[in-house]
């Protein structure tokens, strides 16, 4: 399982990643809105952990754009 975490607080992102790796899962962390969207669009992920209040591009807009393109995540 490959999971993308988009979270601007590094402590929260790492804590979530530690627990997800116990599943086990491969975890990628991005801490900026645009950076996270680019990663989500270019990678193949099974699951996305998305913070709503992000610098650059908020989580709601990331979700909207991913749903419009619907080529990265399964519904």
N, C-alpha and C. Protein backbone atom coordinates (compact mmCIF):
# COMPACT_ATOMS: atom_id res chain seq x y z
N UNK A 1 0.85 -1.16 0.00
CA UNK A 1 0.00 0.00 0.00
C UNK A 1 0.90 1.24 0.00
N UNK A 2 0.55 2.21 -0.82
CA UNK A 2 1.32 3.44 -0.94
C UNK A 2 0.42 4.61 -0.55
N UNK A 3 0.85 5.38 0.46
CA UNK A 3 0.03 6.45 1.01
C UNK A 3 0.76 7.78 0.90
N UNK A 4 0.03 8.81 0.49
CA UNK A 4 0.57 10.16 0.42
C UNK A 4 -0.03 10.99 1.55
N UNK A 5 0.85 11.62 2.33
CA UNK A 5 0.43 12.53 3.40
C UNK A 5 0.77 13.95 2.95
N UNK A 6 -0.23 14.82 2.92
CA UNK A 6 0.00 16.23 2.61
C UNK A 6 -0.36 17.00 3.88
N UNK A 7 0.66 17.40 4.61
CA UNK A 7 0.50 18.02 5.93
C UNK A 7 1.64 18.99 6.16
N UNK A 8 1.33 20.24 6.53
CA UNK A 8 2.38 21.24 6.68
C UNK A 8 3.09 21.20 8.03
N UNK A 9 2.53 20.55 9.02
CA UNK A 9 3.21 20.42 10.32
C UNK A 9 4.05 19.15 10.30
N UNK A 10 5.38 19.29 10.33
CA UNK A 10 6.24 18.11 10.20
C UNK A 10 6.06 17.10 11.33
N UNK A 11 5.74 17.56 12.53
CA UNK A 11 5.55 16.63 13.65
C UNK A 11 4.31 15.78 13.45
N UNK A 12 3.22 16.38 13.00
CA UNK A 12 1.99 15.63 12.75
C UNK A 12 2.20 14.66 11.59
N UNK A 13 2.83 15.15 10.52
CA UNK A 13 3.07 14.29 9.36
C UNK A 13 3.90 13.07 9.73
N UNK A 14 4.93 13.26 10.51
CA UNK A 14 5.79 12.14 10.89
C UNK A 14 5.09 11.18 11.83
N UNK A 15 4.28 11.69 12.75
CA UNK A 15 3.53 10.83 13.66
C UNK A 15 2.55 9.94 12.88
N UNK A 16 1.83 10.54 11.95
CA UNK A 16 0.90 9.76 11.12
C UNK A 16 1.67 8.73 10.30
N UNK A 17 2.80 9.15 9.73
CA UNK A 17 3.61 8.24 8.91
C UNK A 17 4.13 7.05 9.72
N UNK A 18 4.55 7.29 10.95
CA UNK A 18 5.05 6.20 11.80
C UNK A 18 3.97 5.13 11.97
N UNK A 19 2.76 5.56 12.24
CA UNK A 19 1.68 4.60 12.45
C UNK A 19 1.27 3.89 11.15
N UNK A 20 1.29 4.61 10.05
CA UNK A 20 0.95 3.98 8.78
C UNK A 20 2.00 2.98 8.34
N UNK A 21 3.26 3.24 8.65
CA UNK A 21 4.33 2.30 8.29
C UNK A 21 4.20 0.99 9.07
N UNK A 22 3.52 1.02 10.21
CA UNK A 22 3.28 -0.21 10.97
C UNK A 22 2.32 -1.15 10.27
N UNK A 23 1.59 -0.70 9.24
CA UNK A 23 0.57 -1.54 8.60
C UNK A 23 1.12 -2.77 7.89
N UNK A 24 2.09 -2.82 7.11
CA UNK A 24 3.04 -1.82 6.65
C UNK A 24 2.54 -1.10 5.39
N UNK A 25 2.99 0.13 5.26
CA UNK A 25 2.67 0.93 4.08
C UNK A 25 3.89 1.76 3.72
N UNK A 26 4.01 2.03 2.44
CA UNK A 26 5.04 2.96 1.97
C UNK A 26 4.41 4.35 2.05
N UNK A 27 5.11 5.29 2.69
CA UNK A 27 4.54 6.61 2.95
C UNK A 27 5.42 7.69 2.32
N UNK A 28 4.76 8.63 1.64
CA UNK A 28 5.41 9.81 1.09
C UNK A 28 4.78 11.02 1.76
N UNK A 29 5.62 11.98 2.17
CA UNK A 29 5.13 13.19 2.84
C UNK A 29 5.47 14.41 2.00
N UNK A 30 4.48 15.27 1.82
CA UNK A 30 4.69 16.57 1.19
C UNK A 30 4.09 17.62 2.12
N UNK A 31 4.73 18.78 2.23
CA UNK A 31 4.27 19.77 3.22
C UNK A 31 3.78 21.08 2.64
N UNK A 32 3.64 21.17 1.36
CA UNK A 32 3.09 22.36 0.70
C UNK A 32 1.93 21.93 -0.19
N UNK A 33 0.93 22.79 -0.34
CA UNK A 33 -0.23 22.45 -1.14
C UNK A 33 0.08 22.09 -2.58
N UNK A 34 0.79 22.98 -3.28
CA UNK A 34 1.10 22.72 -4.69
C UNK A 34 2.01 21.52 -4.85
N UNK A 35 2.95 21.38 -3.93
CA UNK A 35 3.88 20.25 -3.96
C UNK A 35 3.11 18.93 -3.78
N UNK A 36 2.15 18.93 -2.87
CA UNK A 36 1.33 17.75 -2.63
C UNK A 36 0.47 17.39 -3.83
N UNK A 37 -0.13 18.40 -4.45
CA UNK A 37 -0.96 18.15 -5.63
C UNK A 37 -0.11 17.58 -6.76
N UNK A 38 1.05 18.16 -7.00
CA UNK A 38 1.95 17.64 -8.05
C UNK A 38 2.31 16.18 -7.79
N UNK A 39 2.63 15.87 -6.53
CA UNK A 39 2.99 14.50 -6.17
C UNK A 39 1.81 13.56 -6.37
N UNK A 40 0.63 13.98 -5.95
CA UNK A 40 -0.57 13.14 -6.10
C UNK A 40 -0.87 12.88 -7.57
N UNK A 41 -0.65 13.88 -8.40
CA UNK A 41 -0.94 13.73 -9.83
C UNK A 41 0.10 12.87 -10.54
N UNK A 42 1.33 12.89 -10.06
CA UNK A 42 2.39 12.16 -10.76
C UNK A 42 2.62 10.76 -10.21
N UNK A 43 2.15 10.49 -9.01
CA UNK A 43 2.37 9.18 -8.41
C UNK A 43 1.13 8.32 -8.45
N UNK A 44 1.28 7.11 -7.96
CA UNK A 44 0.17 6.19 -7.87
C UNK A 44 -0.02 5.83 -6.40
N UNK A 45 -1.08 6.33 -5.81
CA UNK A 45 -1.31 6.16 -4.38
C UNK A 45 -2.63 5.45 -4.13
N UNK A 46 -2.65 4.66 -3.07
CA UNK A 46 -3.86 3.96 -2.66
C UNK A 46 -4.71 4.79 -1.72
N UNK A 47 -4.06 5.73 -1.04
CA UNK A 47 -4.74 6.48 0.02
C UNK A 47 -4.07 7.84 0.17
N UNK A 48 -4.86 8.83 0.54
CA UNK A 48 -4.35 10.19 0.73
C UNK A 48 -4.79 10.71 2.09
N UNK A 49 -3.82 11.20 2.88
CA UNK A 49 -4.11 11.89 4.14
C UNK A 49 -3.86 13.36 3.84
N UNK A 50 -4.92 14.16 3.93
CA UNK A 50 -4.87 15.53 3.44
C UNK A 50 -5.28 16.53 4.52
N UNK A 51 -4.39 17.45 4.84
CA UNK A 51 -4.69 18.56 5.75
C UNK A 51 -5.50 19.59 4.98
N UNK A 52 -6.47 20.20 5.63
CA UNK A 52 -7.28 21.20 4.93
C UNK A 52 -6.60 22.56 4.85
N UNK A 53 -5.87 22.94 5.88
CA UNK A 53 -5.24 24.27 5.90
C UNK A 53 -3.76 24.13 5.59
N UNK A 54 -3.43 24.33 4.33
CA UNK A 54 -2.06 24.18 3.84
C UNK A 54 -1.58 25.48 3.22
N UNK A 55 -0.28 25.72 3.29
CA UNK A 55 0.25 26.90 2.58
C UNK A 55 0.25 26.67 1.07
N UNK A 56 -0.04 27.71 0.34
CA UNK A 56 0.01 27.64 -1.13
C UNK A 56 -1.31 27.26 -1.75
N UNK A 57 -1.82 26.11 -1.42
CA UNK A 57 -3.06 25.60 -1.99
C UNK A 57 -3.73 24.79 -0.89
N UNK A 58 -4.97 25.14 -0.54
CA UNK A 58 -5.60 24.45 0.58
C UNK A 58 -6.06 23.05 0.21
N UNK A 59 -6.28 22.24 1.22
CA UNK A 59 -6.63 20.85 1.03
C UNK A 59 -7.93 20.62 0.28
N UNK A 60 -8.90 21.50 0.48
CA UNK A 60 -10.17 21.37 -0.23
C UNK A 60 -9.97 21.55 -1.74
N UNK A 61 -9.14 22.49 -2.12
CA UNK A 61 -8.87 22.71 -3.55
C UNK A 61 -8.08 21.54 -4.13
N UNK A 62 -7.15 20.98 -3.36
CA UNK A 62 -6.42 19.79 -3.81
C UNK A 62 -7.41 18.66 -4.08
N UNK A 63 -8.32 18.45 -3.15
CA UNK A 63 -9.33 17.41 -3.30
C UNK A 63 -10.18 17.64 -4.55
N UNK A 64 -10.61 18.87 -4.77
CA UNK A 64 -11.42 19.21 -5.95
C UNK A 64 -10.66 18.89 -7.24
N UNK A 65 -9.40 19.31 -7.29
CA UNK A 65 -8.63 19.09 -8.51
C UNK A 65 -8.38 17.61 -8.76
N UNK A 66 -8.11 16.85 -7.70
CA UNK A 66 -7.90 15.41 -7.87
C UNK A 66 -9.19 14.72 -8.33
N UNK A 67 -10.31 15.13 -7.80
CA UNK A 67 -11.59 14.53 -8.21
C UNK A 67 -11.92 14.89 -9.66
N UNK A 68 -11.58 16.10 -10.08
CA UNK A 68 -11.83 16.49 -11.47
C UNK A 68 -11.01 15.64 -12.42
N UNK A 69 -9.78 15.40 -12.08
CA UNK A 69 -8.89 14.63 -12.96
C UNK A 69 -9.08 13.13 -12.77
N UNK A 70 -9.43 12.72 -11.56
CA UNK A 70 -9.77 11.33 -11.21
C UNK A 70 -8.87 10.30 -11.86
N UNK A 71 -7.58 10.57 -11.98
CA UNK A 71 -6.68 9.60 -12.59
C UNK A 71 -5.66 9.05 -11.60
N UNK A 72 -5.73 9.44 -10.35
CA UNK A 72 -4.73 9.02 -9.39
C UNK A 72 -5.31 8.12 -8.32
N UNK A 73 -6.49 8.45 -7.83
CA UNK A 73 -7.07 7.73 -6.70
C UNK A 73 -8.32 6.99 -7.12
N UNK A 74 -8.53 5.86 -6.48
CA UNK A 74 -9.75 5.10 -6.71
C UNK A 74 -10.87 5.72 -5.89
N UNK A 75 -12.08 5.69 -6.42
CA UNK A 75 -13.25 6.22 -5.70
C UNK A 75 -13.79 5.19 -4.74
